[in-house]
Amino acid sequence: MEKAKIGSQLLDAIAGANRKERKAVKAQKAGTTRSTSKRAELRGLHDGETLPFTALLYPAEFDFLDRIAGEIRKKTGVKVKGTKIVRALVDALALSAANVSDVRDESELRELLTAKLKGE
């Protein structure tokens, strides 16, 4: 039940961020460059240029990303690739101001991020 709630919150956050990003792009094309999206805040962290990055996922993790992408598509009609979901997670971590400097391994990072997503 707890995993389903976190997954649902993540799904809603990604779908919301994607809608905000589309609105920001439309505003830019229309000549109104004022944007309040989280993506706009992160533009200071990266200038829109992307770099290749390869991550090896366990089958369950890959299936989870695929399921989230499918749920977003069903709910919003927008196709979101796994890379955008991962990018959104990295951006969310950057914006969260979570102190990860004391994290020693993957399990500690997972615990910290899970607590942040739960609002603890």
N, C-alpha and C. Protein backbone atom coordinates (compact mmCIF):
# COMPACT_ATOMS: atom_id res chain seq x y z
N MET A 1 0.83 -1.19 0.00
CA MET A 1 0.00 0.00 0.00
C MET A 1 0.87 1.25 0.00
N GLU A 2 1.92 1.24 0.82
CA GLU A 2 2.82 2.39 0.92
C GLU A 2 3.52 2.66 -0.41
N LYS A 3 3.99 1.60 -1.09
CA LYS A 3 4.65 1.77 -2.39
C LYS A 3 3.68 2.34 -3.42
N ALA A 4 2.43 1.89 -3.36
CA ALA A 4 1.43 2.38 -4.32
C ALA A 4 1.19 3.87 -4.12
N LYS A 5 1.16 4.32 -2.86
CA LYS A 5 0.93 5.74 -2.58
C LYS A 5 2.09 6.58 -3.11
N ILE A 6 3.32 6.14 -2.84
CA ILE A 6 4.50 6.87 -3.32
C ILE A 6 4.52 6.88 -4.84
N GLY A 7 4.22 5.73 -5.46
CA GLY A 7 4.18 5.65 -6.92
C GLY A 7 3.14 6.59 -7.50
N SER A 8 1.98 6.67 -6.85
CA SER A 8 0.93 7.56 -7.31
C SER A 8 1.34 9.02 -7.20
N GLN A 9 2.00 9.37 -6.08
CA GLN A 9 2.48 10.75 -5.90
C GLN A 9 3.53 11.09 -6.94
N LEU A 10 4.42 10.15 -7.23
CA LEU A 10 5.45 10.35 -8.24
C LEU A 10 4.82 10.54 -9.61
N LEU A 11 3.83 9.70 -9.93
CA LEU A 11 3.11 9.80 -11.19
C LEU A 11 2.47 11.18 -11.34
N ASP A 12 1.79 11.63 -10.30
CA ASP A 12 1.13 12.94 -10.34
C ASP A 12 2.16 14.07 -10.49
N ALA A 13 3.29 13.96 -9.79
CA ALA A 13 4.32 15.00 -9.87
C ALA A 13 4.92 15.08 -11.27
N ILE A 14 5.21 13.93 -11.86
CA ILE A 14 5.81 13.91 -13.20
C ILE A 14 4.82 14.43 -14.23
N ALA A 15 3.56 14.00 -14.12
CA ALA A 15 2.54 14.47 -15.06
C ALA A 15 2.36 15.98 -14.93
N GLY A 16 2.36 16.49 -13.70
CA GLY A 16 2.23 17.92 -13.48
C GLY A 16 3.42 18.69 -14.03
N ALA A 17 4.61 18.17 -13.80
CA ALA A 17 5.82 18.83 -14.30
C ALA A 17 5.82 18.85 -15.82
N ASN A 18 5.36 17.76 -16.44
CA ASN A 18 5.31 17.70 -17.90
C ASN A 18 4.33 18.73 -18.46
N ARG A 19 3.16 18.89 -17.81
CA ARG A 19 2.20 19.90 -18.25
C ARG A 19 2.79 21.30 -18.12
N LYS A 20 3.48 21.56 -16.99
CA LYS A 20 4.10 22.87 -16.77
C LYS A 20 5.17 23.15 -17.82
N GLU A 21 5.94 22.10 -18.16
CA GLU A 21 6.99 22.26 -19.16
C GLU A 21 6.39 22.60 -20.53
N ARG A 22 5.28 21.92 -20.90
CA ARG A 22 4.63 22.23 -22.17
C ARG A 22 4.11 23.65 -22.18
N LYS A 23 3.54 24.11 -21.06
CA LYS A 23 3.05 25.49 -20.98
C LYS A 23 4.20 26.48 -21.12
N ALA A 24 5.34 26.17 -20.49
CA ALA A 24 6.50 27.06 -20.58
C ALA A 24 7.00 27.16 -22.01
N VAL A 25 7.02 26.02 -22.72
CA VAL A 25 7.46 26.02 -24.12
C VAL A 25 6.50 26.84 -24.97
N LYS A 26 5.18 26.67 -24.75
CA LYS A 26 4.20 27.45 -25.49
C LYS A 26 4.36 28.94 -25.21
N ALA A 27 4.61 29.29 -23.95
CA ALA A 27 4.80 30.70 -23.59
C ALA A 27 6.03 31.27 -24.27
N GLN A 28 7.11 30.48 -24.32
CA GLN A 28 8.33 30.94 -24.99
C GLN A 28 8.09 31.17 -26.47
N LYS A 29 7.38 30.24 -27.12
CA LYS A 29 7.09 30.39 -28.55
C LYS A 29 6.20 31.59 -28.81
N ALA A 30 5.32 31.90 -27.86
CA ALA A 30 4.42 33.03 -28.02
C ALA A 30 5.11 34.35 -27.73
N GLY A 31 6.33 34.27 -27.21
CA GLY A 31 7.08 35.49 -26.92
C GLY A 31 7.00 35.92 -25.47
N THR A 32 6.21 35.22 -24.67
CA THR A 32 6.15 35.53 -23.25
C THR A 32 7.06 34.53 -22.55
N THR A 33 8.24 34.96 -22.18
CA THR A 33 9.24 34.05 -21.65
C THR A 33 9.12 33.84 -20.15
N ARG A 34 8.15 34.47 -19.52
CA ARG A 34 7.99 34.30 -18.07
C ARG A 34 7.46 32.91 -17.79
N SER A 35 8.19 32.13 -17.02
CA SER A 35 7.80 30.77 -16.71
C SER A 35 8.03 30.48 -15.25
N THR A 36 7.10 29.80 -14.62
CA THR A 36 7.25 29.47 -13.20
C THR A 36 7.47 27.99 -12.99
N SER A 37 7.73 27.25 -14.05
CA SER A 37 7.89 25.81 -13.90
C SER A 37 9.19 25.48 -13.18
N LYS A 38 9.20 24.30 -12.56
CA LYS A 38 10.41 23.82 -11.89
C LYS A 38 11.54 23.65 -12.90
N ARG A 39 11.18 23.26 -14.13
CA ARG A 39 12.19 23.08 -15.17
C ARG A 39 12.90 24.41 -15.42
N ALA A 40 12.15 25.51 -15.39
CA ALA A 40 12.76 26.82 -15.59
C ALA A 40 13.75 27.13 -14.48
N GLU A 41 13.43 26.74 -13.25
CA GLU A 41 14.35 26.95 -12.13
C GLU A 41 15.64 26.18 -12.34
N LEU A 42 15.54 25.01 -12.93
CA LEU A 42 16.72 24.17 -13.14
C LEU A 42 17.55 24.59 -14.34
N ARG A 43 17.01 25.46 -15.17
CA ARG A 43 17.79 25.89 -16.34
C ARG A 43 19.11 26.53 -15.92
N GLY A 44 19.16 27.05 -14.70
CA GLY A 44 20.41 27.59 -14.19
C GLY A 44 21.41 26.48 -13.89
N LEU A 45 20.90 25.28 -13.58
CA LEU A 45 21.78 24.15 -13.30
C LEU A 45 22.31 23.52 -14.58
N HIS A 46 21.50 23.54 -15.62
CA HIS A 46 21.92 23.02 -16.91
C HIS A 46 21.30 23.87 -18.01
N ASP A 47 22.05 24.17 -18.99
CA ASP A 47 21.63 25.10 -20.03
C ASP A 47 20.87 24.43 -21.17
N GLY A 48 20.17 23.36 -20.89
CA GLY A 48 19.39 22.70 -21.92
C GLY A 48 20.18 21.65 -22.69
N GLU A 49 21.50 21.71 -22.61
CA GLU A 49 22.32 20.71 -23.28
C GLU A 49 22.25 19.42 -22.48
N THR A 50 22.09 18.31 -23.17
CA THR A 50 22.07 17.03 -22.49
C THR A 50 23.32 16.24 -22.84
N LEU A 51 23.72 15.40 -21.94
CA LEU A 51 24.88 14.54 -22.14
C LEU A 51 24.45 13.09 -22.01
N PRO A 52 25.08 12.20 -22.73
CA PRO A 52 24.70 10.79 -22.63
C PRO A 52 25.07 10.22 -21.26
N PHE A 53 24.21 9.39 -20.75
CA PHE A 53 24.43 8.74 -19.46
C PHE A 53 23.78 7.37 -19.53
N THR A 54 24.52 6.35 -19.16
CA THR A 54 23.98 5.00 -19.19
C THR A 54 23.85 4.49 -17.77
N ALA A 55 22.67 3.97 -17.45
CA ALA A 55 22.44 3.38 -16.14
C ALA A 55 21.90 1.97 -16.33
N LEU A 56 22.43 1.04 -15.59
CA LEU A 56 21.95 -0.33 -15.66
C LEU A 56 20.89 -0.51 -14.58
N LEU A 57 19.71 -0.93 -14.99
CA LEU A 57 18.59 -1.10 -14.06
C LEU A 57 18.28 -2.58 -13.91
N TYR A 58 17.77 -2.93 -12.74
CA TYR A 58 17.25 -4.27 -12.55
C TYR A 58 15.94 -4.37 -13.33
N PRO A 59 15.54 -5.57 -13.74
CA PRO A 59 14.30 -5.71 -14.50
C PRO A 59 13.09 -5.08 -13.79
N ALA A 60 13.00 -5.22 -12.49
CA ALA A 60 11.87 -4.63 -11.74
C ALA A 60 11.89 -3.11 -11.82
N GLU A 61 13.07 -2.50 -11.79
CA GLU A 61 13.18 -1.05 -11.90
C GLU A 61 12.79 -0.58 -13.30
N PHE A 62 13.23 -1.32 -14.31
CA PHE A 62 12.88 -0.99 -15.69
C PHE A 62 11.36 -1.10 -15.88
N ASP A 63 10.78 -2.18 -15.35
CA ASP A 63 9.33 -2.37 -15.46
C ASP A 63 8.57 -1.25 -14.74
N PHE A 64 9.11 -0.80 -13.60
CA PHE A 64 8.47 0.29 -12.85
C PHE A 64 8.46 1.57 -13.69
N LEU A 65 9.59 1.92 -14.30
CA LEU A 65 9.64 3.11 -15.16
C LEU A 65 8.67 2.98 -16.33
N ASP A 66 8.64 1.80 -16.91
CA ASP A 66 7.74 1.54 -18.03
C ASP A 66 6.28 1.68 -17.59
N ARG A 67 5.97 1.18 -16.40
CA ARG A 67 4.61 1.27 -15.88
C ARG A 67 4.21 2.72 -15.62
N ILE A 68 5.12 3.50 -15.03
CA ILE A 68 4.84 4.91 -14.77
C ILE A 68 4.59 5.64 -16.09
N ALA A 69 5.43 5.39 -17.09
CA ALA A 69 5.25 6.02 -18.39
C ALA A 69 3.89 5.65 -18.98
N GLY A 70 3.51 4.40 -18.85
CA GLY A 70 2.21 3.95 -19.35
C GLY A 70 1.05 4.61 -18.62
N GLU A 71 1.17 4.75 -17.30
CA GLU A 71 0.11 5.38 -16.51
C GLU A 71 -0.02 6.86 -16.86
N ILE A 72 1.11 7.53 -17.08
CA ILE A 72 1.07 8.94 -17.47
C ILE A 72 0.37 9.07 -18.83
N ARG A 73 0.71 8.17 -19.74
CA ARG A 73 0.10 8.23 -21.07
C ARG A 73 -1.40 8.00 -21.00
N LYS A 74 -1.84 7.03 -20.17
CA LYS A 74 -3.27 6.77 -20.01
C LYS A 74 -3.99 7.96 -19.40
N LYS A 75 -3.37 8.57 -18.39
CA LYS A 75 -4.01 9.64 -17.64
C LYS A 75 -4.01 10.97 -18.40
N THR A 76 -2.91 11.27 -19.11
CA THR A 76 -2.76 12.59 -19.73
C THR A 76 -2.76 12.56 -21.25
N GLY A 77 -2.52 11.37 -21.83
CA GLY A 77 -2.41 11.28 -23.28
C GLY A 77 -1.04 11.69 -23.80
N VAL A 78 -0.13 11.99 -22.88
CA VAL A 78 1.22 12.43 -23.25
C VAL A 78 2.19 11.27 -23.09
N LYS A 79 3.02 11.06 -24.11
CA LYS A 79 4.03 10.01 -24.05
C LYS A 79 5.27 10.56 -23.37
N VAL A 80 5.63 9.96 -22.24
CA VAL A 80 6.81 10.38 -21.48
C VAL A 80 7.78 9.20 -21.45
N LYS A 81 8.96 9.43 -21.92
CA LYS A 81 9.97 8.37 -21.95
C LYS A 81 10.60 8.19 -20.57
N GLY A 82 11.17 7.02 -20.36
CA GLY A 82 11.84 6.72 -19.09
C GLY A 82 12.96 7.70 -18.78
N THR A 83 13.64 8.18 -19.82
CA THR A 83 14.73 9.13 -19.59
C THR A 83 14.21 10.43 -18.97
N LYS A 84 13.00 10.86 -19.38
CA LYS A 84 12.43 12.07 -18.80
C LYS A 84 12.03 11.84 -17.35
N ILE A 85 11.56 10.63 -17.04
CA ILE A 85 11.21 10.31 -15.67
C ILE A 85 12.46 10.35 -14.79
N VAL A 86 13.53 9.73 -15.27
CA VAL A 86 14.78 9.73 -14.50
C VAL A 86 15.31 11.16 -14.36
N ARG A 87 15.25 11.94 -15.43
CA ARG A 87 15.69 13.34 -15.38
C ARG A 87 14.87 14.13 -14.36
N ALA A 88 13.55 13.89 -14.33
CA ALA A 88 12.68 14.56 -13.37
C ALA A 88 13.05 14.19 -11.94
N LEU A 89 13.42 12.93 -11.73
CA LEU A 89 13.84 12.50 -10.39
C LEU A 89 15.14 13.19 -9.97
N VAL A 90 16.08 13.29 -10.91
CA VAL A 90 17.35 13.98 -10.62
C VAL A 90 17.08 15.45 -10.32
N ASP A 91 16.24 16.09 -11.14
CA ASP A 91 15.89 17.49 -10.92
C ASP A 91 15.22 17.68 -9.56
N ALA A 92 14.29 16.77 -9.22
CA ALA A 92 13.59 16.86 -7.93
C ALA A 92 14.57 16.75 -6.78
N LEU A 93 15.55 15.88 -6.90
CA LEU A 93 16.57 15.74 -5.86
C LEU A 93 17.37 17.04 -5.75
N ALA A 94 17.74 17.61 -6.88
CA ALA A 94 18.51 18.86 -6.87
C ALA A 94 17.71 19.99 -6.23
N LEU A 95 16.41 20.05 -6.50
CA LEU A 95 15.57 21.12 -5.95
C LEU A 95 15.16 20.88 -4.51
N SER A 96 15.26 19.65 -4.05
CA SER A 96 14.80 19.32 -2.70
C SER A 96 15.71 19.84 -1.60
N ALA A 97 16.91 20.18 -1.93
CA ALA A 97 17.91 20.61 -0.95
C ALA A 97 18.17 19.52 0.09
N ALA A 98 17.96 18.27 -0.30
CA ALA A 98 18.24 17.16 0.60
C ALA A 98 19.74 17.07 0.83
N ASN A 99 20.13 16.87 2.07
CA ASN A 99 21.54 16.74 2.40
C ASN A 99 21.96 15.29 2.17
N VAL A 100 22.65 15.05 1.07
CA VAL A 100 23.09 13.70 0.74
C VAL A 100 24.59 13.50 1.01
N SER A 101 25.22 14.47 1.62
CA SER A 101 26.67 14.41 1.82
C SER A 101 27.08 13.30 2.79
N ASP A 102 26.18 12.86 3.67
CA ASP A 102 26.52 11.81 4.63
C ASP A 102 26.12 10.42 4.16
N VAL A 103 25.53 10.32 2.98
CA VAL A 103 25.07 9.04 2.45
C VAL A 103 26.28 8.19 2.07
N ARG A 104 26.28 6.94 2.54
CA ARG A 104 27.43 6.07 2.29
C ARG A 104 27.18 5.01 1.22
N ASP A 105 25.90 4.71 0.96
CA ASP A 105 25.62 3.68 -0.04
C ASP A 105 24.22 3.86 -0.61
N GLU A 106 23.89 3.01 -1.56
CA GLU A 106 22.62 3.10 -2.27
C GLU A 106 21.42 2.95 -1.34
N SER A 107 21.52 2.05 -0.37
CA SER A 107 20.37 1.84 0.52
C SER A 107 20.10 3.07 1.39
N GLU A 108 21.15 3.74 1.86
CA GLU A 108 20.96 4.97 2.64
C GLU A 108 20.34 6.06 1.78
N LEU A 109 20.79 6.18 0.55
CA LEU A 109 20.22 7.17 -0.35
C LEU A 109 18.74 6.86 -0.62
N ARG A 110 18.42 5.59 -0.81
CA ARG A 110 17.04 5.17 -1.03
C ARG A 110 16.16 5.56 0.16
N GLU A 111 16.65 5.30 1.38
CA GLU A 111 15.91 5.65 2.59
C GLU A 111 15.68 7.15 2.69
N LEU A 112 16.71 7.92 2.40
CA LEU A 112 16.61 9.38 2.46
C LEU A 112 15.58 9.90 1.45
N LEU A 113 15.67 9.40 0.22
CA LEU A 113 14.75 9.85 -0.83
C LEU A 113 13.32 9.41 -0.55
N THR A 114 13.14 8.21 -0.03
CA THR A 114 11.80 7.72 0.31
C THR A 114 11.19 8.61 1.40
N ALA A 115 11.98 8.97 2.39
CA ALA A 115 11.50 9.86 3.46
C ALA A 115 11.09 11.21 2.89
N LYS A 116 11.90 11.74 1.96
CA LYS A 116 11.57 13.03 1.34
C LYS A 116 10.27 12.94 0.55
N LEU A 117 10.09 11.85 -0.21
CA LEU A 117 8.87 11.70 -0.99
C LEU A 117 7.64 11.55 -0.10
N LYS A 118 7.82 10.94 1.07
CA LYS A 118 6.71 10.80 2.01
C LYS A 118 6.44 12.09 2.77
N GLY A 119 7.37 13.03 2.68
CA GLY A 119 7.20 14.30 3.37
C GLY A 119 7.68 14.27 4.81
N GLU A 120 8.54 13.34 5.12
CA GLU A 120 9.07 13.22 6.50
C GLU A 120 10.27 14.11 6.70
